[in-house]
């Protein structure tokens, strides 16, 4: 026997009991629909923090990073431009880590698992092969600008000083197990700091830059030495590097501690 259905009557002819039942059902469904997002919101906001973000949100960000890493390749290069297209007055953004005077005796400190830290001068950095790049610098705030930078490849720097490996040998991309997972960097005053995944650090376009538009970098842009990492948004491009170290644990990261994505790849 087929199920009997209520007849399609005009609203004025619907029995009071039927109308009341329909109203109760409608309000119940509405309340349930409203309660679900409220419950999810309360669950997220009451969750503990993980690396600066609520745990469920951090898990989503980490899942996105894991996906991005699957298609990352050192053979994938960002687009480059003719030098004449570079901004004559590159935009400066952010002063964290730059609020105190640069120490007069600045040297780049490299922490090593074994032995004393290396202290490297700018002359020693400039003795390595120089590379230049003109590319579109992208800020996570939504603006971008074609900029011209010069310096030494981070991968060449690491190879020259035999950094980033557990064996103490020069890095070899084919011996991934010997590489640490991350590079950590911070300003001399420790006011700004980043963690970079090793694959991005070893990318051939990643530079320890000391020139902008063919001239020494100015203080607001990170003199005397800064990171230029075209495969990341600007928040990872640390200015005024004071210390560098290597780790299998995530180094502290200024904006990740404030709820941003840790990877922030392009």
C-alpha atoms as a PDB file:
ATOM      1  CA  UNK A   1       0.000   0.000   0.000  1.00  0.00           C
ATOM      2  CA  UNK A   2       1.385   3.408  -0.930  1.00  0.00           C
ATOM      3  CA  UNK A   3       2.048   5.981   1.823  1.00  0.00           C
ATOM      4  CA  UNK A   4      -0.745   8.508   2.183  1.00  0.00           C
ATOM      5  CA  UNK A   5       0.380  12.116   1.685  1.00  0.00           C
ATOM      6  CA  UNK A   6      -1.125  15.283   2.992  1.00  0.00           C
ATOM      7  CA  UNK A   7      -3.117  17.001   0.246  1.00  0.00           C
ATOM      8  CA  UNK A   8      -1.670  20.177  -1.266  1.00  0.00           C
ATOM      9  CA  UNK A   9      -4.125  22.614   0.256  1.00  0.00           C
ATOM     10  CA  UNK A  10      -4.011  26.410   0.208  1.00  0.00           C
ATOM     11  CA  UNK A  11      -2.488  27.790   3.420  1.00  0.00           C
ATOM     12  CA  UNK A  12      -5.881  29.020   4.556  1.00  0.00           C
ATOM     13  CA  UNK A  13      -7.297  25.463   4.319  1.00  0.00           C
ATOM     14  CA  UNK A  14      -4.452  23.624   6.110  1.00  0.00           C
ATOM     15  CA  UNK A  15      -5.630  22.172   9.438  1.00  0.00           C
ATOM     16  CA  UNK A  16      -4.229  23.912  12.511  1.00  0.00           C
ATOM     17  CA  UNK A  17      -2.498  20.745  13.773  1.00  0.00           C
ATOM     18  CA  UNK A  18      -0.774  20.230  10.417  1.00  0.00           C
ATOM     19  CA  UNK A  19       0.367  23.858  10.234  1.00  0.00           C
ATOM     20  CA  UNK A  20       1.704  23.665  13.781  1.00  0.00           C
ATOM     21  CA  UNK A  21       3.612  20.464  12.957  1.00  0.00           C
ATOM     22  CA  UNK A  22       5.115  22.054   9.851  1.00  0.00           C
ATOM     23  CA  UNK A  23       6.167  25.133  11.844  1.00  0.00           C
ATOM     24  CA  UNK A  24       7.780  23.048  14.591  1.00  0.00           C
ATOM     25  CA  UNK A  25       9.636  20.952  11.992  1.00  0.00           C
ATOM     26  CA  UNK A  26      10.868  24.084  10.190  1.00  0.00           C
ATOM     27  CA  UNK A  27      12.084  25.726  13.383  1.00  0.00           C
ATOM     28  CA  UNK A  28      13.768  22.488  14.501  1.00  0.00           C
ATOM     29  CA  UNK A  29      15.677  22.188  11.225  1.00  0.00           C
ATOM     30  CA  UNK A  30      16.633  25.867  11.381  1.00  0.00           C
ATOM     31  CA  UNK A  31      17.891  25.497  14.965  1.00  0.00           C
ATOM     32  CA  UNK A  32      19.903  22.412  14.021  1.00  0.00           C
ATOM     33  CA  UNK A  33      21.426  24.186  11.015  1.00  0.00           C
ATOM     34  CA  UNK A  34      22.346  27.153  13.198  1.00  0.00           C
ATOM     35  CA  UNK A  35      23.754  24.991  16.000  1.00  0.00           C
ATOM     36  CA  UNK A  36      26.166  23.040  13.794  1.00  0.00           C
ATOM     37  CA  UNK A  37      28.393  26.011  12.752  1.00  0.00           C
ATOM     38  CA  UNK A  38      28.188  27.447  16.284  1.00  0.00           C
ATOM     39  CA  UNK A  39      29.322  24.113  17.692  1.00  0.00           C
ATOM     40  CA  UNK A  40      32.150  23.845  15.183  1.00  0.00           C
ATOM     41  CA  UNK A  41      33.224  27.416  15.947  1.00  0.00           C
ATOM     42  CA  UNK A  42      33.243  26.729  19.703  1.00  0.00           C
ATOM     43  CA  UNK A  43      35.162  23.476  19.163  1.00  0.00           C
ATOM     44  CA  UNK A  44      37.835  25.301  17.146  1.00  0.00           C
ATOM     45  CA  UNK A  45      38.122  28.295  19.496  1.00  0.00           C
ATOM     46  CA  UNK A  46      38.384  26.038  22.556  1.00  0.00           C
ATOM     47  CA  UNK A  47      41.018  23.788  20.977  1.00  0.00           C
ATOM     48  CA  UNK A  48      44.631  24.143  22.178  1.00  0.00           C
ATOM     49  CA  UNK A  49      47.075  26.109  20.059  1.00  0.00           C
ATOM     50  CA  UNK A  50      49.666  24.401  17.876  1.00  0.00           C
ATOM     51  CA  UNK A  51      52.448  26.589  16.415  1.00  0.00           C
ATOM     52  CA  UNK A  52      50.391  29.721  17.007  1.00  0.00           C
ATOM     53  CA  UNK A  53      47.085  28.573  15.473  1.00  0.00           C
ATOM     54  CA  UNK A  54      44.189  26.598  16.903  1.00  0.00           C
ATOM     55  CA  UNK A  55      44.992  22.914  16.459  1.00  0.00           C
ATOM     56  CA  UNK A  56      42.289  22.077  13.872  1.00  0.00           C
ATOM     57  CA  UNK A  57      43.288  25.090  11.732  1.00  0.00           C
ATOM     58  CA  UNK A  58      46.995  24.243  12.026  1.00  0.00           C
ATOM     59  CA  UNK A  59      46.226  20.693  10.888  1.00  0.00           C
ATOM     60  CA  UNK A  60      44.514  22.096   7.795  1.00  0.00           C
ATOM     61  CA  UNK A  61      47.478  24.408   7.091  1.00  0.00           C
ATOM     62  CA  UNK A  62      49.913  21.514   7.521  1.00  0.00           C
ATOM     63  CA  UNK A  63      47.849  19.366   5.143  1.00  0.00           C
ATOM     64  CA  UNK A  64      48.014  22.153   2.550  1.00  0.00           C
ATOM     65  CA  UNK A  65      51.791  22.354   3.042  1.00  0.00           C
ATOM     66  CA  UNK A  66      52.168  18.594   2.597  1.00  0.00           C
ATOM     67  CA  UNK A  67      50.211  18.835  -0.657  1.00  0.00           C
ATOM     68  CA  UNK A  68      52.362  21.761  -1.866  1.00  0.00           C
ATOM     69  CA  UNK A  69      55.534  19.779  -1.171  1.00  0.00           C
ATOM     70  CA  UNK A  70      54.383  16.972  -3.463  1.00  0.00           C
ATOM     71  CA  UNK A  71      54.663  19.207  -6.530  1.00  0.00           C
ATOM     72  CA  UNK A  72      57.664  21.284  -5.386  1.00  0.00           C
ATOM     73  CA  UNK A  73      60.767  20.795  -7.524  1.00  0.00           C
ATOM     74  CA  UNK A  74      64.176  22.451  -7.753  1.00  0.00           C
ATOM     75  CA  UNK A  75      63.723  22.365 -11.519  1.00  0.00           C
ATOM     76  CA  UNK A  76      60.650  24.591 -11.252  1.00  0.00           C
ATOM     77  CA  UNK A  77      61.890  28.172 -11.480  1.00  0.00           C
ATOM     78  CA  UNK A  78      59.919  31.343 -10.872  1.00  0.00           C
ATOM     79  CA  UNK A  79      59.555  33.681 -13.850  1.00  0.00           C
ATOM     80  CA  UNK A  80      62.315  36.265 -14.313  1.00  0.00           C
ATOM     81  CA  UNK A  81      62.306  39.655 -16.044  1.00  0.00           C
ATOM     82  CA  UNK A  82      64.716  42.029 -17.821  1.00  0.00           C
ATOM     83  CA  UNK A  83      66.654  44.273 -15.423  1.00  0.00           C
ATOM     84  CA  UNK A  84      64.997  47.410 -16.825  1.00  0.00           C
ATOM     85  CA  UNK A  85      61.614  46.190 -15.555  1.00  0.00           C
ATOM     86  CA  UNK A  86      62.771  46.162 -11.928  1.00  0.00           C
ATOM     87  CA  UNK A  87      61.372  48.830  -9.602  1.00  0.00           C
ATOM     88  CA  UNK A  88      63.774  51.748  -9.183  1.00  0.00           C
ATOM     89  CA  UNK A  89      62.562  52.256  -5.610  1.00  0.00           C
ATOM     90  CA  UNK A  90      61.636  48.815  -4.270  1.00  0.00           C
ATOM     91  CA  UNK A  91      58.861  48.838  -1.730  1.00  0.00           C
ATOM     92  CA  UNK A  92      59.891  48.369   1.897  1.00  0.00           C
ATOM     93  CA  UNK A  93      57.528  46.608   4.271  1.00  0.00           C
ATOM     94  CA  UNK A  94      57.973  45.703   7.949  1.00  0.00           C
ATOM     95  CA  UNK A  95      60.502  46.774  10.570  1.00  0.00           C
ATOM     96  CA  UNK A  96      60.496  43.822  12.950  1.00  0.00           C
ATOM     97  CA  UNK A  97      64.099  42.832  13.654  1.00  0.00           C
ATOM     98  CA  UNK A  98      65.373  46.185  12.352  1.00  0.00           C
ATOM     99  CA  UNK A  99      64.452  48.436  15.271  1.00  0.00           C
ATOM    100  CA  UNK A 100      67.906  48.438  16.859  1.00  0.00           C
ATOM    101  CA  UNK A 101      71.163  49.631  15.237  1.00  0.00           C
ATOM    102  CA  UNK A 102      73.154  47.049  13.298  1.00  0.00           C
ATOM    103  CA  UNK A 103      76.075  45.852  15.442  1.00  0.00           C
ATOM    104  CA  UNK A 104      79.325  47.368  14.182  1.00  0.00           C
ATOM    105  CA  UNK A 105      81.057  44.007  14.544  1.00  0.00           C
ATOM    106  CA  UNK A 106      78.359  42.141  12.585  1.00  0.00           C
ATOM    107  CA  UNK A 107      79.286  38.655  11.427  1.00  0.00           C
ATOM    108  CA  UNK A 108      76.974  35.929  10.232  1.00  0.00           C
ATOM    109  CA  UNK A 109      76.818  33.295  12.973  1.00  0.00           C
ATOM    110  CA  UNK A 110      76.322  29.714  11.808  1.00  0.00           C
ATOM    111  CA  UNK A 111      75.538  27.214  14.565  1.00  0.00           C
ATOM    112  CA  UNK A 112      76.832  23.700  14.005  1.00  0.00           C
ATOM    113  CA  UNK A 113      75.895  20.515  15.885  1.00  0.00           C
ATOM    114  CA  UNK A 114      79.590  19.769  16.363  1.00  0.00           C
ATOM    115  CA  UNK A 115      82.200  22.388  17.122  1.00  0.00           C
ATOM    116  CA  UNK A 116      82.067  26.110  17.734  1.00  0.00           C
ATOM    117  CA  UNK A 117      79.821  28.364  15.634  1.00  0.00           C
ATOM    118  CA  UNK A 118      81.209  29.770  12.412  1.00  0.00           C
ATOM    119  CA  UNK A 119      81.503  33.558  12.245  1.00  0.00           C
ATOM    120  CA  UNK A 120      81.524  34.692   8.616  1.00  0.00           C
ATOM    121  CA  UNK A 121      82.277  38.207   7.369  1.00  0.00           C
ATOM    122  CA  UNK A 122      80.709  39.946   4.398  1.00  0.00           C
ATOM    123  CA  UNK A 123      84.009  39.736   2.526  1.00  0.00           C
ATOM    124  CA  UNK A 124      83.888  35.963   2.895  1.00  0.00           C
ATOM    125  CA  UNK A 125      80.294  35.880   1.666  1.00  0.00           C
ATOM    126  CA  UNK A 126      81.175  38.046  -1.346  1.00  0.00           C
ATOM    127  CA  UNK A 127      84.108  35.788  -2.219  1.00  0.00           C
ATOM    128  CA  UNK A 128      81.622  33.129  -3.377  1.00  0.00           C
ATOM    129  CA  UNK A 129      80.124  33.162  -6.906  1.00  0.00           C
ATOM    130  CA  UNK A 130      77.591  35.961  -7.328  1.00  0.00           C
ATOM    131  CA  UNK A 131      74.164  35.451  -8.855  1.00  0.00           C
ATOM    132  CA  UNK A 132      71.428  37.949  -9.701  1.00  0.00           C
ATOM    133  CA  UNK A 133      67.697  37.580 -10.086  1.00  0.00           C
ATOM    134  CA  UNK A 134      64.944  39.899 -11.307  1.00  0.00           C
ATOM    135  CA  UNK A 135      61.618  38.439 -10.278  1.00  0.00           C
ATOM    136  CA  UNK A 136      58.206  39.350  -8.894  1.00  0.00           C
ATOM    137  CA  UNK A 137      58.506  39.684  -5.128  1.00  0.00           C
ATOM    138  CA  UNK A 138      55.112  38.789  -3.613  1.00  0.00           C
ATOM    139  CA  UNK A 139      53.793  39.951  -0.253  1.00  0.00           C
ATOM    140  CA  UNK A 140      51.217  37.941   1.662  1.00  0.00           C
ATOM    141  CA  UNK A 141      49.280  41.210   2.109  1.00  0.00           C
ATOM    142  CA  UNK A 142      48.387  41.069  -1.592  1.00  0.00           C
ATOM    143  CA  UNK A 143      50.878  43.359  -3.362  1.00  0.00           C
ATOM    144  CA  UNK A 144      53.750  42.361  -5.650  1.00  0.00           C
ATOM    145  CA  UNK A 145      56.651  44.135  -7.370  1.00  0.00           C
ATOM    146  CA  UNK A 146      59.393  43.223  -9.836  1.00  0.00           C
ATOM    147  CA  UNK A 147      62.702  43.562  -7.962  1.00  0.00           C
ATOM    148  CA  UNK A 148      66.401  43.071  -8.741  1.00  0.00           C
ATOM    149  CA  UNK A 149      68.608  41.305  -6.180  1.00  0.00           C
ATOM    150  CA  UNK A 150      72.168  40.013  -6.149  1.00  0.00           C
ATOM    151  CA  UNK A 151      74.077  37.712  -3.826  1.00  0.00           C
ATOM    152  CA  UNK A 152      75.279  34.154  -3.343  1.00  0.00           C
ATOM    153  CA  UNK A 153      73.084  31.101  -3.731  1.00  0.00           C
ATOM    154  CA  UNK A 154      72.266  29.654  -0.326  1.00  0.00           C
ATOM    155  CA  UNK A 155      72.992  26.185  -1.731  1.00  0.00           C
ATOM    156  CA  UNK A 156      76.490  27.314  -2.825  1.00  0.00           C
ATOM    157  CA  UNK A 157      77.072  28.887   0.583  1.00  0.00           C
ATOM    158  CA  UNK A 158      76.063  25.669   2.330  1.00  0.00           C
ATOM    159  CA  UNK A 159      78.240  23.569   0.025  1.00  0.00           C
ATOM    160  CA  UNK A 160      81.259  25.821   0.557  1.00  0.00           C
ATOM    161  CA  UNK A 161      81.024  25.625   4.346  1.00  0.00           C
ATOM    162  CA  UNK A 162      79.652  22.040   4.463  1.00  0.00           C
ATOM    163  CA  UNK A 163      76.455  23.035   6.224  1.00  0.00           C
ATOM    164  CA  UNK A 164      73.021  21.498   6.581  1.00  0.00           C
ATOM    165  CA  UNK A 165      74.110  17.857   6.747  1.00  0.00           C
ATOM    166  CA  UNK A 166      74.322  15.416   9.642  1.00  0.00           C
ATOM    167  CA  UNK A 167      77.573  13.970   8.307  1.00  0.00           C
ATOM    168  CA  UNK A 168      79.337  17.319   8.075  1.00  0.00           C
ATOM    169  CA  UNK A 169      79.863  16.830   4.352  1.00  0.00           C
ATOM    170  CA  UNK A 170      78.730  19.196   1.608  1.00  0.00           C
ATOM    171  CA  UNK A 171      74.980  18.839   0.871  1.00  0.00           C
ATOM    172  CA  UNK A 172      74.069  16.339  -1.805  1.00  0.00           C
ATOM    173  CA  UNK A 173      70.424  16.452  -3.000  1.00  0.00           C
ATOM    174  CA  UNK A 174      70.673  12.762  -3.823  1.00  0.00           C
ATOM    175  CA  UNK A 175      71.457  11.980  -0.167  1.00  0.00           C
ATOM    176  CA  UNK A 176      68.281  13.401   1.313  1.00  0.00           C
ATOM    177  CA  UNK A 177      68.629  11.366   4.511  1.00  0.00           C
ATOM    178  CA  UNK A 178      71.836  13.270   5.315  1.00  0.00           C
ATOM    179  CA  UNK A 179      70.136  16.673   5.082  1.00  0.00           C
ATOM    180  CA  UNK A 180      68.474  18.365   8.009  1.00  0.00           C
ATOM    181  CA  UNK A 181      64.797  19.147   7.419  1.00  0.00           C
ATOM    182  CA  UNK A 182      64.903  22.884   8.177  1.00  0.00           C
ATOM    183  CA  UNK A 183      67.042  25.997   8.143  1.00  0.00           C
ATOM    184  CA  UNK A 184      66.388  28.497  10.913  1.00  0.00           C
ATOM    185  CA  UNK A 185      67.348  32.185  10.679  1.00  0.00           C
ATOM    186  CA  UNK A 186      66.977  35.162  12.982  1.00  0.00           C
ATOM    187  CA  UNK A 187      67.955  38.812  13.153  1.00  0.00           C
ATOM    188  CA  UNK A 188      70.807  39.895  15.478  1.00  0.00           C
ATOM    189  CA  UNK A 189      68.296  41.282  18.003  1.00  0.00           C
ATOM    190  CA  UNK A 190      66.144  38.108  17.711  1.00  0.00           C
ATOM    191  CA  UNK A 191      63.189  40.353  16.900  1.00  0.00           C
ATOM    192  CA  UNK A 192      62.334  38.435  13.704  1.00  0.00           C
ATOM    193  CA  UNK A 193      62.924  34.789  12.854  1.00  0.00           C
ATOM    194  CA  UNK A 194      61.880  32.235  10.244  1.00  0.00           C
ATOM    195  CA  UNK A 195      61.999  28.517   9.584  1.00  0.00           C
ATOM    196  CA  UNK A 196      62.542  27.342   6.004  1.00  0.00           C
ATOM    197  CA  UNK A 197      62.073  23.806   4.711  1.00  0.00           C
ATOM    198  CA  UNK A 198      65.353  22.459   3.340  1.00  0.00           C
ATOM    199  CA  UNK A 199      63.978  21.848  -0.171  1.00  0.00           C
ATOM    200  CA  UNK A 200      63.130  25.538  -0.553  1.00  0.00           C
ATOM    201  CA  UNK A 201      66.435  26.619   0.997  1.00  0.00           C
ATOM    202  CA  UNK A 202      68.325  24.534  -1.575  1.00  0.00           C
ATOM    203  CA  UNK A 203      66.308  25.916  -4.501  1.00  0.00           C
ATOM    204  CA  UNK A 204      68.699  27.390  -7.117  1.00  0.00           C
ATOM    205  CA  UNK A 205      66.998  30.814  -6.983  1.00  0.00           C
ATOM    206  CA  UNK A 206      67.290  31.199  -3.200  1.00  0.00           C
ATOM    207  CA  UNK A 207      69.926  33.819  -2.361  1.00  0.00           C
ATOM    208  CA  UNK A 208      71.793  35.299   0.547  1.00  0.00           C
ATOM    209  CA  UNK A 209      71.448  38.759  -0.974  1.00  0.00           C
ATOM    210  CA  UNK A 210      73.715  41.747  -0.370  1.00  0.00           C
ATOM    211  CA  UNK A 211      72.810  43.896  -3.385  1.00  0.00           C
ATOM    212  CA  UNK A 212      69.599  45.543  -4.597  1.00  0.00           C
ATOM    213  CA  UNK A 213      69.563  47.181  -8.034  1.00  0.00           C
ATOM    214  CA  UNK A 214      73.335  46.656  -8.224  1.00  0.00           C
ATOM    215  CA  UNK A 215      74.008  48.589  -4.989  1.00  0.00           C
ATOM    216  CA  UNK A 216      74.557  47.443  -1.390  1.00  0.00           C
ATOM    217  CA  UNK A 217      71.274  46.747   0.349  1.00  0.00           C
ATOM    218  CA  UNK A 218      70.010  49.655   2.456  1.00  0.00           C
ATOM    219  CA  UNK A 219      69.227  49.224   6.154  1.00  0.00           C
ATOM    220  CA  UNK A 220      65.401  49.195   5.719  1.00  0.00           C
ATOM    221  CA  UNK A 221      65.757  46.422   3.140  1.00  0.00           C
ATOM    222  CA  UNK A 222      67.894  44.230   5.388  1.00  0.00           C
ATOM    223  CA  UNK A 223      71.562  45.276   5.186  1.00  0.00           C
ATOM    224  CA  UNK A 224      74.082  43.833   5.243  1.00  0.00           C
ATOM    225  CA  UNK A 225      72.699  40.394   4.294  1.00  0.00           C
ATOM    226  CA  UNK A 226      69.174  39.111   3.805  1.00  0.00           C
ATOM    227  CA  UNK A 227      67.318  36.113   2.467  1.00  0.00           C
ATOM    228  CA  UNK A 228      65.680  36.248  -0.951  1.00  0.00           C
ATOM    229  CA  UNK A 229      63.604  33.139  -1.493  1.00  0.00           C
ATOM    230  CA  UNK A 230      61.406  33.552  -4.594  1.00  0.00           C
ATOM    231  CA  UNK A 231      59.416  30.365  -3.959  1.00  0.00           C
ATOM    232  CA  UNK A 232      58.000  31.895  -0.753  1.00  0.00           C
ATOM    233  CA  UNK A 233      55.944  34.946   0.150  1.00  0.00           C
ATOM    234  CA  UNK A 234      57.823  37.941   1.552  1.00  0.00           C
ATOM    235  CA  UNK A 235      57.248  37.003   5.213  1.00  0.00           C
ATOM    236  CA  UNK A 236      59.910  34.284   4.824  1.00  0.00           C
ATOM    237  CA  UNK A 237      62.477  36.610   3.214  1.00  0.00           C
ATOM    238  CA  UNK A 238      64.322  37.444   6.440  1.00  0.00           C
ATOM    239  CA  UNK A 239      66.125  40.779   6.545  1.00  0.00           C
ATOM    240  CA  UNK A 240      69.411  41.408   8.357  1.00  0.00           C
ATOM    241  CA  UNK A 241      70.372  37.796   9.011  1.00  0.00           C
ATOM    242  CA  UNK A 242      72.315  37.447  12.234  1.00  0.00           C
ATOM    243  CA  UNK A 243      72.200  33.725  12.945  1.00  0.00           C
ATOM    244  CA  UNK A 244      71.591  30.559  10.933  1.00  0.00           C
ATOM    245  CA  UNK A 245      71.150  27.000  12.172  1.00  0.00           C
ATOM    246  CA  UNK A 246      69.866  23.622  10.973  1.00  0.00           C
ATOM    247  CA  UNK A 247      67.373  21.260  12.574  1.00  0.00           C
ATOM    248  CA  UNK A 248      64.999  18.370  12.025  1.00  0.00           C
ATOM    249  CA  UNK A 249      62.489  20.146  14.274  1.00  0.00           C
ATOM    250  CA  UNK A 250      60.560  23.160  13.057  1.00  0.00           C
ATOM    251  CA  UNK A 251      62.439  26.332  14.020  1.00  0.00           C
ATOM    252  CA  UNK A 252      60.473  29.178  15.504  1.00  0.00           C
ATOM    253  CA  UNK A 253      58.734  31.316  12.904  1.00  0.00           C
ATOM    254  CA  UNK A 254      57.538  34.866  13.597  1.00  0.00           C
ATOM    255  CA  UNK A 255      54.300  34.812  11.616  1.00  0.00           C
ATOM    256  CA  UNK A 256      53.507  31.125  12.137  1.00  0.00           C
ATOM    257  CA  UNK A 257      53.439  31.918  15.870  1.00  0.00           C
ATOM    258  CA  UNK A 258      50.771  34.473  15.026  1.00  0.00           C
ATOM    259  CA  UNK A 259      48.555  31.950  13.241  1.00  0.00           C
ATOM    260  CA  UNK A 260      49.873  32.122   9.663  1.00  0.00           C
ATOM    261  CA  UNK A 261      50.781  29.191   7.463  1.00  0.00           C
ATOM    262  CA  UNK A 262      54.290  27.878   8.232  1.00  0.00           C
ATOM    263  CA  UNK A 263      55.102  26.891   4.642  1.00  0.00           C
ATOM    264  CA  UNK A 264      53.721  29.954   2.767  1.00  0.00           C
ATOM    265  CA  UNK A 265      54.961  28.633  -0.575  1.00  0.00           C
ATOM    266  CA  UNK A 266      54.099  29.989  -3.995  1.00  0.00           C
END
